[in-house]
Each structure stands twice: as C-alpha cells, then as structure tokens.
N, C-alpha and C. Protein backbone atom coordinates (compact mmCIF):
# COMPACT_ATOMS: atom_id res chain seq x y z
N GLN A 1 18.38 1.96 -14.94
CA GLN A 1 18.64 0.56 -14.59
C GLN A 1 17.46 0.01 -13.79
N VAL A 2 16.94 -1.12 -14.25
CA VAL A 2 15.80 -1.74 -13.60
C VAL A 2 16.28 -2.61 -12.44
N GLN A 3 15.63 -2.46 -11.31
CA GLN A 3 15.94 -3.31 -10.15
C GLN A 3 14.65 -3.75 -9.48
N LEU A 4 14.61 -5.03 -9.13
CA LEU A 4 13.55 -5.58 -8.29
C LEU A 4 14.25 -6.16 -7.07
N VAL A 5 13.96 -5.61 -5.91
CA VAL A 5 14.68 -6.00 -4.70
C VAL A 5 13.69 -6.61 -3.71
N GLU A 6 13.88 -7.91 -3.46
CA GLU A 6 13.01 -8.63 -2.53
C GLU A 6 13.52 -8.52 -1.11
N SER A 7 12.60 -8.60 -0.17
CA SER A 7 12.96 -8.65 1.25
C SER A 7 11.85 -9.38 2.00
N GLY A 8 12.18 -9.82 3.21
CA GLY A 8 11.17 -10.42 4.06
C GLY A 8 11.22 -11.92 4.20
N GLY A 9 12.13 -12.56 3.50
CA GLY A 9 12.24 -14.01 3.65
C GLY A 9 12.89 -14.38 4.96
N GLY A 10 12.96 -15.69 5.21
CA GLY A 10 13.59 -16.15 6.44
C GLY A 10 13.11 -17.53 6.84
N LEU A 11 13.38 -17.84 8.08
CA LEU A 11 13.00 -19.14 8.65
C LEU A 11 11.76 -18.97 9.52
N VAL A 12 10.79 -19.84 9.32
CA VAL A 12 9.55 -19.77 10.09
C VAL A 12 9.08 -21.19 10.39
N GLN A 13 8.36 -21.33 11.46
CA GLN A 13 7.85 -22.65 11.83
C GLN A 13 6.57 -22.97 11.07
N PHE A 14 6.27 -24.26 11.00
CA PHE A 14 5.03 -24.76 10.39
C PHE A 14 3.84 -23.99 10.98
N GLY A 15 3.00 -23.48 10.06
CA GLY A 15 1.83 -22.73 10.49
C GLY A 15 2.06 -21.25 10.68
N GLY A 16 3.29 -20.81 10.55
CA GLY A 16 3.62 -19.41 10.74
C GLY A 16 3.34 -18.56 9.52
N SER A 17 3.72 -17.30 9.62
CA SER A 17 3.46 -16.33 8.55
C SER A 17 4.72 -15.52 8.23
N LEU A 18 4.78 -15.09 6.99
CA LEU A 18 5.82 -14.18 6.52
C LEU A 18 5.21 -13.26 5.49
N ARG A 19 5.79 -12.08 5.34
CA ARG A 19 5.40 -11.19 4.26
C ARG A 19 6.62 -10.82 3.45
N LEU A 20 6.56 -11.14 2.16
CA LEU A 20 7.61 -10.75 1.24
C LEU A 20 7.26 -9.42 0.60
N SER A 21 8.29 -8.63 0.35
CA SER A 21 8.13 -7.36 -0.35
C SER A 21 9.08 -7.33 -1.53
N CYS A 22 8.67 -6.65 -2.58
CA CYS A 22 9.52 -6.47 -3.76
C CYS A 22 9.39 -5.02 -4.20
N ALA A 23 10.47 -4.29 -4.03
CA ALA A 23 10.49 -2.87 -4.41
C ALA A 23 11.11 -2.74 -5.78
N ALA A 24 10.39 -2.09 -6.69
CA ALA A 24 10.85 -1.91 -8.06
C ALA A 24 11.36 -0.50 -8.29
N SER A 25 12.37 -0.39 -9.12
CA SER A 25 12.87 0.92 -9.54
C SER A 25 13.29 0.82 -10.99
N GLY A 26 13.25 1.96 -11.67
CA GLY A 26 13.66 1.99 -13.07
C GLY A 26 12.57 1.59 -14.05
N ILE A 27 11.36 1.37 -13.55
CA ILE A 27 10.24 1.03 -14.44
C ILE A 27 9.02 1.88 -14.06
N ILE A 28 8.06 1.97 -15.00
CA ILE A 28 6.77 2.59 -14.68
C ILE A 28 5.91 1.49 -14.09
N PHE A 29 5.95 1.38 -12.79
CA PHE A 29 5.41 0.24 -12.06
C PHE A 29 3.96 -0.06 -12.43
N ALA A 30 3.16 1.00 -12.62
CA ALA A 30 1.73 0.81 -12.86
C ALA A 30 1.45 0.12 -14.20
N ARG A 31 2.43 -0.01 -15.06
CA ARG A 31 2.24 -0.65 -16.36
C ARG A 31 2.69 -2.12 -16.35
N TYR A 32 3.06 -2.59 -15.18
CA TYR A 32 3.61 -3.94 -15.08
C TYR A 32 2.70 -4.87 -14.29
N ALA A 33 2.51 -6.07 -14.85
CA ALA A 33 1.97 -7.16 -14.04
C ALA A 33 3.11 -7.67 -13.18
N MET A 34 2.81 -7.91 -11.92
CA MET A 34 3.84 -8.34 -10.98
C MET A 34 3.50 -9.75 -10.49
N GLY A 35 4.53 -10.55 -10.33
CA GLY A 35 4.29 -11.91 -9.89
C GLY A 35 5.33 -12.38 -8.89
N TRP A 36 4.94 -13.39 -8.17
CA TRP A 36 5.86 -14.11 -7.28
C TRP A 36 5.96 -15.54 -7.80
N TYR A 37 7.17 -16.00 -7.95
CA TYR A 37 7.46 -17.37 -8.35
C TYR A 37 8.34 -17.98 -7.26
N ARG A 38 8.40 -19.31 -7.28
CA ARG A 38 9.29 -19.96 -6.32
C ARG A 38 9.95 -21.17 -6.97
N GLN A 39 11.11 -21.51 -6.43
CA GLN A 39 11.84 -22.67 -6.93
C GLN A 39 12.43 -23.42 -5.75
N ALA A 40 11.99 -24.64 -5.59
CA ALA A 40 12.51 -25.50 -4.54
C ALA A 40 13.67 -26.33 -5.11
N PRO A 41 14.55 -26.83 -4.28
CA PRO A 41 15.69 -27.62 -4.77
C PRO A 41 15.22 -28.79 -5.62
N GLY A 42 15.81 -28.92 -6.80
CA GLY A 42 15.49 -30.04 -7.68
C GLY A 42 14.19 -29.89 -8.44
N LYS A 43 13.53 -28.75 -8.29
CA LYS A 43 12.25 -28.55 -8.97
C LYS A 43 12.32 -27.33 -9.89
N GLU A 44 11.36 -27.26 -10.81
CA GLU A 44 11.31 -26.12 -11.71
C GLU A 44 10.68 -24.91 -11.01
N ARG A 45 11.00 -23.75 -11.52
CA ARG A 45 10.38 -22.53 -11.00
C ARG A 45 8.89 -22.55 -11.34
N GLU A 46 8.07 -22.17 -10.37
CA GLU A 46 6.63 -22.19 -10.58
C GLU A 46 6.00 -20.87 -10.13
N LEU A 47 4.89 -20.54 -10.78
CA LEU A 47 4.14 -19.36 -10.41
C LEU A 47 3.45 -19.59 -9.07
N VAL A 48 3.55 -18.60 -8.20
CA VAL A 48 2.85 -18.63 -6.92
C VAL A 48 1.62 -17.75 -6.99
N ALA A 49 1.82 -16.51 -7.43
CA ALA A 49 0.71 -15.55 -7.51
C ALA A 49 1.10 -14.44 -8.47
N ARG A 50 0.09 -13.82 -9.05
CA ARG A 50 0.32 -12.77 -10.01
C ARG A 50 -0.76 -11.71 -9.85
N ILE A 51 -0.39 -10.45 -10.07
CA ILE A 51 -1.35 -9.36 -9.95
C ILE A 51 -1.15 -8.41 -11.13
N THR A 52 -2.26 -8.07 -11.79
CA THR A 52 -2.19 -7.20 -12.96
C THR A 52 -2.14 -5.73 -12.53
N PRO A 53 -1.91 -4.83 -13.47
CA PRO A 53 -1.96 -3.41 -13.11
C PRO A 53 -3.31 -3.00 -12.53
N GLY A 54 -4.36 -3.69 -12.94
CA GLY A 54 -5.68 -3.39 -12.42
C GLY A 54 -6.02 -4.16 -11.15
N SER A 55 -5.03 -4.88 -10.62
CA SER A 55 -5.15 -5.63 -9.36
C SER A 55 -5.99 -6.89 -9.45
N SER A 56 -6.15 -7.43 -10.66
CA SER A 56 -6.70 -8.79 -10.76
C SER A 56 -5.62 -9.77 -10.35
N THR A 57 -6.03 -10.84 -9.69
CA THR A 57 -5.05 -11.76 -9.14
C THR A 57 -5.26 -13.19 -9.61
N VAL A 58 -4.17 -13.94 -9.63
CA VAL A 58 -4.18 -15.36 -9.94
C VAL A 58 -3.28 -16.04 -8.92
N TYR A 59 -3.71 -17.22 -8.46
CA TYR A 59 -2.93 -17.97 -7.48
C TYR A 59 -2.74 -19.41 -7.92
N ALA A 60 -1.62 -19.97 -7.55
CA ALA A 60 -1.45 -21.41 -7.70
C ALA A 60 -2.42 -22.11 -6.75
N ASP A 61 -2.92 -23.26 -7.17
CA ASP A 61 -3.88 -23.99 -6.33
C ASP A 61 -3.31 -24.30 -4.95
N SER A 62 -2.02 -24.55 -4.91
CA SER A 62 -1.39 -24.96 -3.65
C SER A 62 -1.35 -23.86 -2.60
N VAL A 63 -1.57 -22.61 -3.00
CA VAL A 63 -1.47 -21.50 -2.03
C VAL A 63 -2.79 -20.75 -1.86
N LYS A 64 -3.79 -21.12 -2.63
CA LYS A 64 -5.08 -20.43 -2.52
C LYS A 64 -5.62 -20.51 -1.10
N GLY A 65 -6.09 -19.37 -0.62
CA GLY A 65 -6.63 -19.32 0.74
C GLY A 65 -5.58 -19.10 1.81
N ARG A 66 -4.31 -19.20 1.45
CA ARG A 66 -3.23 -19.01 2.44
C ARG A 66 -2.36 -17.80 2.10
N PHE A 67 -2.15 -17.55 0.82
CA PHE A 67 -1.29 -16.46 0.38
C PHE A 67 -2.15 -15.35 -0.24
N THR A 68 -1.68 -14.11 -0.08
CA THR A 68 -2.34 -12.97 -0.69
C THR A 68 -1.31 -12.06 -1.33
N ILE A 69 -1.51 -11.77 -2.61
CA ILE A 69 -0.63 -10.84 -3.31
C ILE A 69 -1.33 -9.48 -3.36
N SER A 70 -0.55 -8.42 -3.22
CA SER A 70 -1.09 -7.07 -3.30
C SER A 70 -0.01 -6.13 -3.84
N ARG A 71 -0.45 -4.96 -4.25
CA ARG A 71 0.50 -4.00 -4.78
C ARG A 71 0.16 -2.60 -4.29
N ASP A 72 1.21 -1.79 -4.16
CA ASP A 72 1.06 -0.39 -3.81
C ASP A 72 1.80 0.41 -4.89
N ASN A 73 1.05 0.91 -5.85
CA ASN A 73 1.68 1.62 -6.97
C ASN A 73 2.40 2.88 -6.51
N SER A 74 1.94 3.50 -5.43
CA SER A 74 2.59 4.72 -4.94
C SER A 74 3.99 4.44 -4.41
N LYS A 75 4.22 3.19 -4.01
CA LYS A 75 5.54 2.78 -3.50
C LYS A 75 6.28 1.87 -4.46
N SER A 76 5.68 1.60 -5.63
CA SER A 76 6.29 0.69 -6.61
C SER A 76 6.69 -0.63 -5.95
N THR A 77 5.78 -1.15 -5.15
CA THR A 77 6.09 -2.35 -4.37
C THR A 77 4.96 -3.37 -4.47
N VAL A 78 5.35 -4.62 -4.57
CA VAL A 78 4.39 -5.72 -4.55
C VAL A 78 4.69 -6.57 -3.32
N TYR A 79 3.64 -7.10 -2.73
CA TYR A 79 3.77 -7.88 -1.50
C TYR A 79 3.21 -9.28 -1.68
N LEU A 80 3.70 -10.19 -0.87
CA LEU A 80 3.11 -11.52 -0.79
C LEU A 80 2.97 -11.87 0.69
N GLN A 81 1.75 -11.84 1.17
CA GLN A 81 1.48 -12.26 2.54
C GLN A 81 1.26 -13.76 2.55
N MET A 82 2.06 -14.46 3.32
CA MET A 82 2.01 -15.91 3.36
C MET A 82 1.61 -16.36 4.77
N ASN A 83 0.47 -17.00 4.86
CA ASN A 83 -0.03 -17.51 6.14
C ASN A 83 -0.11 -19.02 6.12
N ASP A 84 -0.19 -19.60 7.30
CA ASP A 84 -0.32 -21.05 7.42
C ASP A 84 0.74 -21.77 6.59
N LEU A 85 1.96 -21.36 6.76
CA LEU A 85 3.06 -21.90 5.95
C LEU A 85 3.33 -23.37 6.27
N LYS A 86 3.72 -24.10 5.23
CA LYS A 86 3.98 -25.52 5.33
C LYS A 86 5.40 -25.81 4.85
N PRO A 87 5.97 -26.92 5.25
CA PRO A 87 7.33 -27.25 4.77
C PRO A 87 7.42 -27.28 3.24
N ASP A 88 6.35 -27.67 2.55
CA ASP A 88 6.36 -27.68 1.08
C ASP A 88 6.47 -26.28 0.49
N ASP A 89 6.27 -25.25 1.28
CA ASP A 89 6.43 -23.88 0.80
C ASP A 89 7.90 -23.44 0.80
N THR A 90 8.76 -24.27 1.35
CA THR A 90 10.19 -23.94 1.38
C THR A 90 10.74 -23.82 -0.03
N ALA A 91 11.33 -22.68 -0.34
CA ALA A 91 11.84 -22.42 -1.69
C ALA A 91 12.51 -21.05 -1.71
N VAL A 92 13.16 -20.77 -2.81
CA VAL A 92 13.59 -19.40 -3.08
C VAL A 92 12.45 -18.73 -3.84
N TYR A 93 12.02 -17.58 -3.34
CA TYR A 93 10.92 -16.84 -3.93
C TYR A 93 11.47 -15.68 -4.75
N TYR A 94 10.99 -15.59 -5.98
CA TYR A 94 11.45 -14.57 -6.91
C TYR A 94 10.31 -13.63 -7.29
N CYS A 95 10.64 -12.38 -7.34
CA CYS A 95 9.71 -11.35 -7.82
C CYS A 95 9.91 -11.19 -9.32
N ASN A 96 8.82 -11.03 -10.04
CA ASN A 96 8.87 -10.82 -11.48
C ASN A 96 8.01 -9.63 -11.87
N GLY A 97 8.52 -8.84 -12.80
CA GLY A 97 7.74 -7.75 -13.36
C GLY A 97 7.68 -7.89 -14.86
N HIS A 98 6.48 -7.81 -15.41
CA HIS A 98 6.29 -8.00 -16.85
C HIS A 98 5.41 -6.88 -17.38
N HIS A 99 5.95 -6.11 -18.33
CA HIS A 99 5.20 -5.02 -18.95
C HIS A 99 4.05 -5.63 -19.76
N VAL A 100 2.86 -5.15 -19.54
CA VAL A 100 1.70 -5.80 -20.15
C VAL A 100 1.64 -5.64 -21.66
N GLY A 101 2.34 -4.64 -22.20
CA GLY A 101 2.27 -4.43 -23.64
C GLY A 101 3.56 -4.75 -24.37
N ARG A 102 4.60 -5.10 -23.65
CA ARG A 102 5.91 -5.31 -24.27
C ARG A 102 6.52 -6.58 -23.70
N MET A 103 6.50 -7.63 -24.50
CA MET A 103 6.95 -8.94 -24.02
C MET A 103 8.41 -8.97 -23.62
N THR A 104 9.21 -8.10 -24.23
CA THR A 104 10.64 -8.14 -23.93
C THR A 104 10.98 -7.47 -22.61
N GLU A 105 10.06 -6.72 -22.07
CA GLU A 105 10.33 -6.05 -20.80
C GLU A 105 9.85 -6.94 -19.66
N ASP A 106 10.74 -7.81 -19.26
CA ASP A 106 10.46 -8.82 -18.24
C ASP A 106 11.67 -8.87 -17.31
N TYR A 107 11.42 -8.66 -16.02
CA TYR A 107 12.53 -8.54 -15.09
C TYR A 107 12.33 -9.41 -13.87
N TRP A 108 13.46 -9.81 -13.27
CA TRP A 108 13.44 -10.69 -12.11
C TRP A 108 14.26 -10.10 -10.97
N GLY A 109 13.81 -10.38 -9.75
CA GLY A 109 14.61 -10.05 -8.59
C GLY A 109 15.65 -11.12 -8.32
N GLN A 110 16.42 -10.93 -7.28
CA GLN A 110 17.53 -11.84 -6.99
C GLN A 110 17.10 -13.07 -6.21
N GLY A 111 15.92 -13.05 -5.67
CA GLY A 111 15.41 -14.18 -4.91
C GLY A 111 15.55 -14.00 -3.41
N SER A 112 14.60 -14.58 -2.70
CA SER A 112 14.60 -14.51 -1.24
C SER A 112 14.25 -15.90 -0.70
N GLN A 113 15.10 -16.40 0.18
CA GLN A 113 14.89 -17.75 0.71
C GLN A 113 13.80 -17.75 1.78
N VAL A 114 12.87 -18.68 1.63
CA VAL A 114 11.85 -18.94 2.65
C VAL A 114 12.01 -20.40 3.07
N THR A 115 12.20 -20.61 4.35
CA THR A 115 12.34 -21.96 4.88
C THR A 115 11.32 -22.18 5.99
N VAL A 116 10.53 -23.24 5.83
CA VAL A 116 9.50 -23.57 6.81
C VAL A 116 9.90 -24.86 7.50
N SER A 117 10.09 -24.78 8.80
CA SER A 117 10.49 -25.96 9.57
C SER A 117 9.26 -26.70 10.07
N SER A 118 9.40 -28.01 10.12
CA SER A 118 8.26 -28.85 10.55
C SER A 118 8.29 -29.09 12.05
C-alpha cells in the first residue's frame, strides 16, 4: 500500500519559516519525481516545486528564492523549506510522487495546512 504522509504545516507569521516533510512508503522512492503542490480556497491546485530522482529542481516563479525542495532517498522523504512566508502562501500543501517511467503510478498525500498571518 502506497502512502505519502505530510507533516510540518501550521500557523506562522508574515516573514516566518516552516519546513514540510513528506514520508513515502510502499514505493521505490528513488524512481519517483517528487513534488509539492498547493491549493488555496477558491483556486486551482498549482505546482510549487518539483525534484527529479537526480535532484534537478523546478520552482514556481512565486516561490523562487524563498522555498527549497530537497530529498533524502535513504529516508524516502522529500522536504520543502519555506522561508520569508507571505499571506499569499496560505494554502493546503500536497505532496505528490510520480514514477518517471510509468504515468499511472502517481500518488498524493492527504495535505497539510499552511497559514501565514499578516
């Protein structure tokens, strides 16, 4: 059974920092591109950051220079370090795992709420 379990969300003040973690089980983690997405109320889910098995990264323009995605294959865990948080970053953050060679192997975590107060 595949599970992606997020942790680390919460309430933080403007300019603060949080680190999200996503622990994966039931998959060969090193074969998966891992991503963080977010969805704010009334908006569509959007990509925040993505990291390939080889640790190449992609970021949304809105978070470049503030957020850092990383992975630890030995722990089957992906992280999102979020600095200089803004109220517009308030959303539910979802972890995604996508097998690079198999389009049907795509999994989501349950989501973690991040709220930034102004």
